[in-house]
Amino acid sequence: MGDTPNLYEALRHFADSWALAALTLVFAAILLWIFRPGSRRNYQNQADIPFKYDREGRKDD
C-alpha cells in the first residue's frame, strides 16, 4: 500500500476537479433557465394558481 492511491484519494481528486466543474455548469444552466427571456409571465401564472378560484384574491393588472 505504498505509493498506490486508494479509492478515497481518487474520488477526492475527482470531486475537487471534474465534479466541481460539472456542478458549476449545472448551476449556471439552471440560472440561465430561470432567468431566460419570457419566463416571467410563466412564473407569474404559476404563482397565481392558489388564487385562481379565490374571489378576494389577486386581480389581473
PDB file of N, CA and C in Angstrom:
ATOM      1  N   MET A   1       0.818  -1.196   0.000  1.00  0.00           N
ATOM      2  CA  MET A   1       0.000   0.000   0.000  1.00  0.00           C
ATOM      3  C   MET A   1       0.860   1.258   0.000  1.00  0.00           C
ATOM      4  N   GLY A   2       2.009   1.187  -0.540  1.00  0.00           N
ATOM      5  CA  GLY A   2       2.934   2.297  -0.502  1.00  0.00           C
ATOM      6  C   GLY A   2       2.504   3.481  -1.344  1.00  0.00           C
ATOM      7  N   ASP A   3       2.766   3.430  -2.630  1.00  0.00           N
ATOM      8  CA  ASP A   3       2.544   4.588  -3.479  1.00  0.00           C
ATOM      9  C   ASP A   3       1.258   4.528  -4.290  1.00  0.00           C
ATOM     10  N   THR A   4       0.490   3.462  -4.186  1.00  0.00           N
ATOM     11  CA  THR A   4      -0.738   3.370  -4.973  1.00  0.00           C
ATOM     12  C   THR A   4      -1.840   4.180  -4.304  1.00  0.00           C
ATOM     13  N   PRO A   5      -2.527   5.026  -5.082  1.00  0.00           N
ATOM     14  CA  PRO A   5      -3.609   5.826  -4.487  1.00  0.00           C
ATOM     15  C   PRO A   5      -4.802   4.939  -4.146  1.00  0.00           C
ATOM     16  N   ASN A   6      -5.400   5.226  -3.030  1.00  0.00           N
ATOM     17  CA  ASN A   6      -6.574   4.440  -2.642  1.00  0.00           C
ATOM     18  C   ASN A   6      -7.843   5.070  -3.221  1.00  0.00           C
ATOM     19  N   LEU A   7      -8.942   4.408  -3.038  1.00  0.00           N
ATOM     20  CA  LEU A   7     -10.215   4.847  -3.613  1.00  0.00           C
ATOM     21  C   LEU A   7     -10.611   6.224  -3.096  1.00  0.00           C
ATOM     22  N   TYR A   8     -10.400   6.475  -1.826  1.00  0.00           N
ATOM     23  CA  TYR A   8     -10.767   7.770  -1.253  1.00  0.00           C
ATOM     24  C   TYR A   8     -10.016   8.904  -1.940  1.00  0.00           C
ATOM     25  N   GLU A   9      -8.732   8.735  -2.120  1.00  0.00           N
ATOM     26  CA  GLU A   9      -7.940   9.786  -2.750  1.00  0.00           C
ATOM     27  C   GLU A   9      -8.356   9.995  -4.202  1.00  0.00           C
ATOM     28  N   ALA A  10      -8.681   8.925  -4.897  1.00  0.00           N
ATOM     29  CA  ALA A  10      -9.117   9.047  -6.287  1.00  0.00           C
ATOM     30  C   ALA A  10     -10.449   9.781  -6.372  1.00  0.00           C
ATOM     31  N   LEU A  11     -11.388   9.433  -5.501  1.00  0.00           N
ATOM     32  CA  LEU A  11     -12.685  10.116  -5.501  1.00  0.00           C
ATOM     33  C   LEU A  11     -12.541  11.566  -5.060  1.00  0.00           C
ATOM     34  N   ARG A  12     -11.657  11.820  -4.130  1.00  0.00           N
ATOM     35  CA  ARG A  12     -11.419  13.190  -3.661  1.00  0.00           C
ATOM     36  C   ARG A  12     -10.855  14.047  -4.794  1.00  0.00           C
ATOM     37  N   HIS A  13      -9.913  13.485  -5.534  1.00  0.00           N
ATOM     38  CA  HIS A  13      -9.346  14.216  -6.663  1.00  0.00           C
ATOM     39  C   HIS A  13     -10.415  14.480  -7.725  1.00  0.00           C
ATOM     40  N   PHE A  14     -11.255  13.504  -8.009  1.00  0.00           N
ATOM     41  CA  PHE A  14     -12.339  13.680  -8.972  1.00  0.00           C
ATOM     42  C   PHE A  14     -13.307  14.762  -8.507  1.00  0.00           C
ATOM     43  N   ALA A  15     -13.682  14.729  -7.242  1.00  0.00           N
ATOM     44  CA  ALA A  15     -14.628  15.712  -6.711  1.00  0.00           C
ATOM     45  C   ALA A  15     -14.031  17.108  -6.726  1.00  0.00           C
ATOM     46  N   ASP A  16     -12.738  17.224  -6.498  1.00  0.00           N
ATOM     47  CA  ASP A  16     -12.097  18.535  -6.490  1.00  0.00           C
ATOM     48  C   ASP A  16     -11.930  19.117  -7.885  1.00  0.00           C
ATOM     49  N   SER A  17     -11.958  18.301  -8.899  1.00  0.00           N
ATOM     50  CA  SER A  17     -11.703  18.824 -10.234  1.00  0.00           C
ATOM     51  C   SER A  17     -12.934  18.721 -11.132  1.00  0.00           C
ATOM     52  N   TRP A  18     -13.215  17.557 -11.651  1.00  0.00           N
ATOM     53  CA  TRP A  18     -14.265  17.406 -12.653  1.00  0.00           C
ATOM     54  C   TRP A  18     -15.662  17.544 -12.082  1.00  0.00           C
ATOM     55  N   ALA A  19     -15.909  17.018 -10.910  1.00  0.00           N
ATOM     56  CA  ALA A  19     -17.249  17.129 -10.329  1.00  0.00           C
ATOM     57  C   ALA A  19     -17.576  18.583 -10.010  1.00  0.00           C
ATOM     58  N   LEU A  20     -16.592  19.324  -9.534  1.00  0.00           N
ATOM     59  CA  LEU A  20     -16.811  20.743  -9.256  1.00  0.00           C
ATOM     60  C   LEU A  20     -17.128  21.501 -10.539  1.00  0.00           C
ATOM     61  N   ALA A  21     -16.416  21.201 -11.601  1.00  0.00           N
ATOM     62  CA  ALA A  21     -16.678  21.849 -12.883  1.00  0.00           C
ATOM     63  C   ALA A  21     -18.068  21.479 -13.402  1.00  0.00           C
ATOM     64  N   ALA A  22     -18.448  20.221 -13.283  1.00  0.00           N
ATOM     65  CA  ALA A  22     -19.761  19.778 -13.756  1.00  0.00           C
ATOM     66  C   ALA A  22     -20.883  20.439 -12.962  1.00  0.00           C
ATOM     67  N   LEU A  23     -20.747  20.506 -11.655  1.00  0.00           N
ATOM     68  CA  LEU A  23     -21.784  21.134 -10.835  1.00  0.00           C
ATOM     69  C   LEU A  23     -21.868  22.636 -11.087  1.00  0.00           C
ATOM     70  N   THR A  24     -20.736  23.265 -11.378  1.00  0.00           N
ATOM     71  CA  THR A  24     -20.754  24.679 -11.720  1.00  0.00           C
ATOM     72  C   THR A  24     -21.513  24.908 -13.026  1.00  0.00           C
ATOM     73  N   LEU A  25     -21.301  24.038 -14.009  1.00  0.00           N
ATOM     74  CA  LEU A  25     -22.034  24.145 -15.268  1.00  0.00           C
ATOM     75  C   LEU A  25     -23.522  23.896 -15.075  1.00  0.00           C
ATOM     76  N   VAL A  26     -23.883  22.938 -14.245  1.00  0.00           N
ATOM     77  CA  VAL A  26     -25.295  22.665 -13.960  1.00  0.00           C
ATOM     78  C   VAL A  26     -25.936  23.877 -13.283  1.00  0.00           C
ATOM     79  N   PHE A  27     -25.233  24.476 -12.338  1.00  0.00           N
ATOM     80  CA  PHE A  27     -25.747  25.655 -11.639  1.00  0.00           C
ATOM     81  C   PHE A  27     -25.955  26.812 -12.619  1.00  0.00           C
ATOM     82  N   ALA A  28     -24.999  27.031 -13.504  1.00  0.00           N
ATOM     83  CA  ALA A  28     -25.125  28.102 -14.493  1.00  0.00           C
ATOM     84  C   ALA A  28     -26.291  27.824 -15.439  1.00  0.00           C
ATOM     85  N   ALA A  29     -26.476  26.575 -15.837  1.00  0.00           N
ATOM     86  CA  ALA A  29     -27.586  26.227 -16.725  1.00  0.00           C
ATOM     87  C   ALA A  29     -28.927  26.467 -16.036  1.00  0.00           C
ATOM     88  N   ILE A  30     -29.023  26.148 -14.765  1.00  0.00           N
ATOM     89  CA  ILE A  30     -30.262  26.394 -14.019  1.00  0.00           C
ATOM     90  C   ILE A  30     -30.558  27.890 -13.948  1.00  0.00           C
ATOM     91  N   LEU A  31     -29.525  28.686 -13.676  1.00  0.00           N
ATOM     92  CA  LEU A  31     -29.735  30.136 -13.628  1.00  0.00           C
ATOM     93  C   LEU A  31     -30.181  30.681 -14.978  1.00  0.00           C
ATOM     94  N   LEU A  32     -29.564  30.206 -16.043  1.00  0.00           N
ATOM     95  CA  LEU A  32     -29.973  30.656 -17.376  1.00  0.00           C
ATOM     96  C   LEU A  32     -31.406  30.252 -17.680  1.00  0.00           C
ATOM     97  N   TRP A  33     -31.806  29.059 -17.249  1.00  0.00           N
ATOM     98  CA  TRP A  33     -33.175  28.594 -17.484  1.00  0.00           C
ATOM     99  C   TRP A  33     -34.183  29.437 -16.700  1.00  0.00           C
ATOM    100  N   ILE A  34     -33.849  29.755 -15.468  1.00  0.00           N
ATOM    101  CA  ILE A  34     -34.772  30.526 -14.634  1.00  0.00           C
ATOM    102  C   ILE A  34     -34.939  31.942 -15.151  1.00  0.00           C
ATOM    103  N   PHE A  35     -33.847  32.578 -15.546  1.00  0.00           N
ATOM    104  CA  PHE A  35     -33.891  33.980 -15.946  1.00  0.00           C
ATOM    105  C   PHE A  35     -33.927  34.169 -17.460  1.00  0.00           C
ATOM    106  N   ARG A  36     -34.396  33.161 -18.185  1.00  0.00           N
ATOM    107  CA  ARG A  36     -34.478  33.299 -19.637  1.00  0.00           C
ATOM    108  C   ARG A  36     -35.566  34.308 -19.999  1.00  0.00           C
ATOM    109  N   PRO A  37     -35.428  34.948 -21.155  1.00  0.00           N
ATOM    110  CA  PRO A  37     -36.429  35.927 -21.572  1.00  0.00           C
ATOM    111  C   PRO A  37     -37.809  35.280 -21.742  1.00  0.00           C
ATOM    112  N   GLY A  38     -38.827  35.959 -21.276  1.00  0.00           N
ATOM    113  CA  GLY A  38     -40.188  35.469 -21.435  1.00  0.00           C
ATOM    114  C   GLY A  38     -40.668  34.537 -20.342  1.00  0.00           C
ATOM    115  N   SER A  39     -39.820  34.227 -19.388  1.00  0.00           N
ATOM    116  CA  SER A  39     -40.239  33.281 -18.352  1.00  0.00           C
ATOM    117  C   SER A  39     -41.027  33.950 -17.231  1.00  0.00           C
ATOM    118  N   ARG A  40     -40.958  35.262 -17.161  1.00  0.00           N
ATOM    119  CA  ARG A  40     -41.632  35.962 -16.066  1.00  0.00           C
ATOM    120  C   ARG A  40     -43.145  35.709 -16.079  1.00  0.00           C
ATOM    121  N   ARG A  41     -43.753  35.741 -17.257  1.00  0.00           N
ATOM    122  CA  ARG A  41     -45.197  35.519 -17.346  1.00  0.00           C
ATOM    123  C   ARG A  41     -45.557  34.108 -16.891  1.00  0.00           C
ATOM    124  N   ASN A  42     -44.746  33.141 -17.273  1.00  0.00           N
ATOM    125  CA  ASN A  42     -44.998  31.759 -16.875  1.00  0.00           C
ATOM    126  C   ASN A  42     -44.925  31.611 -15.357  1.00  0.00           C
ATOM    127  N   TYR A  43     -43.903  32.194 -14.754  1.00  0.00           N
ATOM    128  CA  TYR A  43     -43.762  32.101 -13.297  1.00  0.00           C
ATOM    129  C   TYR A  43     -44.874  32.861 -12.586  1.00  0.00           C
ATOM    130  N   GLN A  44     -45.317  33.977 -13.168  1.00  0.00           N
ATOM    131  CA  GLN A  44     -46.414  34.727 -12.560  1.00  0.00           C
ATOM    132  C   GLN A  44     -47.705  33.921 -12.605  1.00  0.00           C
ATOM    133  N   ASN A  45     -47.949  33.227 -13.724  1.00  0.00           N
ATOM    134  CA  ASN A  45     -49.138  32.376 -13.813  1.00  0.00           C
ATOM    135  C   ASN A  45     -49.086  31.249 -12.787  1.00  0.00           C
ATOM    136  N   GLN A  46     -47.931  30.666 -12.600  1.00  0.00           N
ATOM    137  CA  GLN A  46     -47.789  29.604 -11.606  1.00  0.00           C
ATOM    138  C   GLN A  46     -47.975  30.144 -10.191  1.00  0.00           C
ATOM    139  N   ALA A  47     -47.497  31.352  -9.941  1.00  0.00           N
ATOM    140  CA  ALA A  47     -47.641  31.942  -8.609  1.00  0.00           C
ATOM    141  C   ALA A  47     -49.096  32.271  -8.301  1.00  0.00           C
ATOM    142  N   ASP A  48     -49.903  32.517  -9.334  1.00  0.00           N
ATOM    143  CA  ASP A  48     -51.305  32.882  -9.129  1.00  0.00           C
ATOM    144  C   ASP A  48     -52.234  31.681  -9.002  1.00  0.00           C
ATOM    145  N   ILE A  49     -51.738  30.477  -9.148  1.00  0.00           N
ATOM    146  CA  ILE A  49     -52.586  29.281  -9.073  1.00  0.00           C
ATOM    147  C   ILE A  49     -53.373  29.207  -7.764  1.00  0.00           C
ATOM    148  N   PRO A  50     -52.787  29.472  -6.587  1.00  0.00           N
ATOM    149  CA  PRO A  50     -53.585  29.374  -5.358  1.00  0.00           C
ATOM    150  C   PRO A  50     -54.746  30.356  -5.305  1.00  0.00           C
ATOM    151  N   PHE A  51     -54.653  31.451  -6.056  1.00  0.00           N
ATOM    152  CA  PHE A  51     -55.696  32.469  -6.017  1.00  0.00           C
ATOM    153  C   PHE A  51     -56.676  32.365  -7.182  1.00  0.00           C
ATOM    154  N   LYS A  52     -56.572  31.334  -7.964  1.00  0.00           N
ATOM    155  CA  LYS A  52     -57.374  31.229  -9.183  1.00  0.00           C
ATOM    156  C   LYS A  52     -58.871  31.248  -8.891  1.00  0.00           C
ATOM    157  N   TYR A  53     -59.301  30.575  -7.867  1.00  0.00           N
ATOM    158  CA  TYR A  53     -60.717  30.500  -7.545  1.00  0.00           C
ATOM    159  C   TYR A  53     -61.068  31.299  -6.299  1.00  0.00           C
ATOM    160  N   ASP A  54     -60.160  32.144  -5.855  1.00  0.00           N
ATOM    161  CA  ASP A  54     -60.391  32.977  -4.680  1.00  0.00           C
ATOM    162  C   ASP A  54     -61.004  34.299  -5.139  1.00  0.00           C
ATOM    163  N   ARG A  55     -62.186  34.601  -4.665  1.00  0.00           N
ATOM    164  CA  ARG A  55     -62.880  35.810  -5.112  1.00  0.00           C
ATOM    165  C   ARG A  55     -62.217  37.080  -4.585  1.00  0.00           C
ATOM    166  N   GLU A  56     -61.543  36.983  -3.448  1.00  0.00           N
ATOM    167  CA  GLU A  56     -60.892  38.163  -2.877  1.00  0.00           C
ATOM    168  C   GLU A  56     -59.402  38.190  -3.213  1.00  0.00           C
ATOM    169  N   GLY A  57     -58.964  37.288  -4.016  1.00  0.00           N
ATOM    170  CA  GLY A  57     -57.540  37.189  -4.334  1.00  0.00           C
ATOM    171  C   GLY A  57     -57.063  38.249  -5.303  1.00  0.00           C
ATOM    172  N   ARG A  58     -55.961  37.968  -5.891  1.00  0.00           N
ATOM    173  CA  ARG A  58     -55.309  38.913  -6.783  1.00  0.00           C
ATOM    174  C   ARG A  58     -56.131  39.155  -8.053  1.00  0.00           C
ATOM    175  N   LYS A  59     -56.218  40.395  -8.410  1.00  0.00           N
ATOM    176  CA  LYS A  59     -56.921  40.782  -9.639  1.00  0.00           C
ATOM    177  C   LYS A  59     -55.886  40.933 -10.750  1.00  0.00           C
ATOM    178  N   ASP A  60     -56.289  40.678 -11.971  1.00  0.00           N
ATOM    179  CA  ASP A  60     -55.392  40.882 -13.114  1.00  0.00           C
ATOM    180  C   ASP A  60     -55.114  42.367 -13.275  1.00  0.00           C
ATOM    181  N   ASP A  61     -53.846  42.704 -13.416  1.00  0.00           N
ATOM    182  CA  ASP A  61     -53.464  44.107 -13.574  1.00  0.00           C
ATOM    183  C   ASP A  61     -53.535  44.536 -15.000  1.00  0.00           C
TER     184      ASP A  61
END
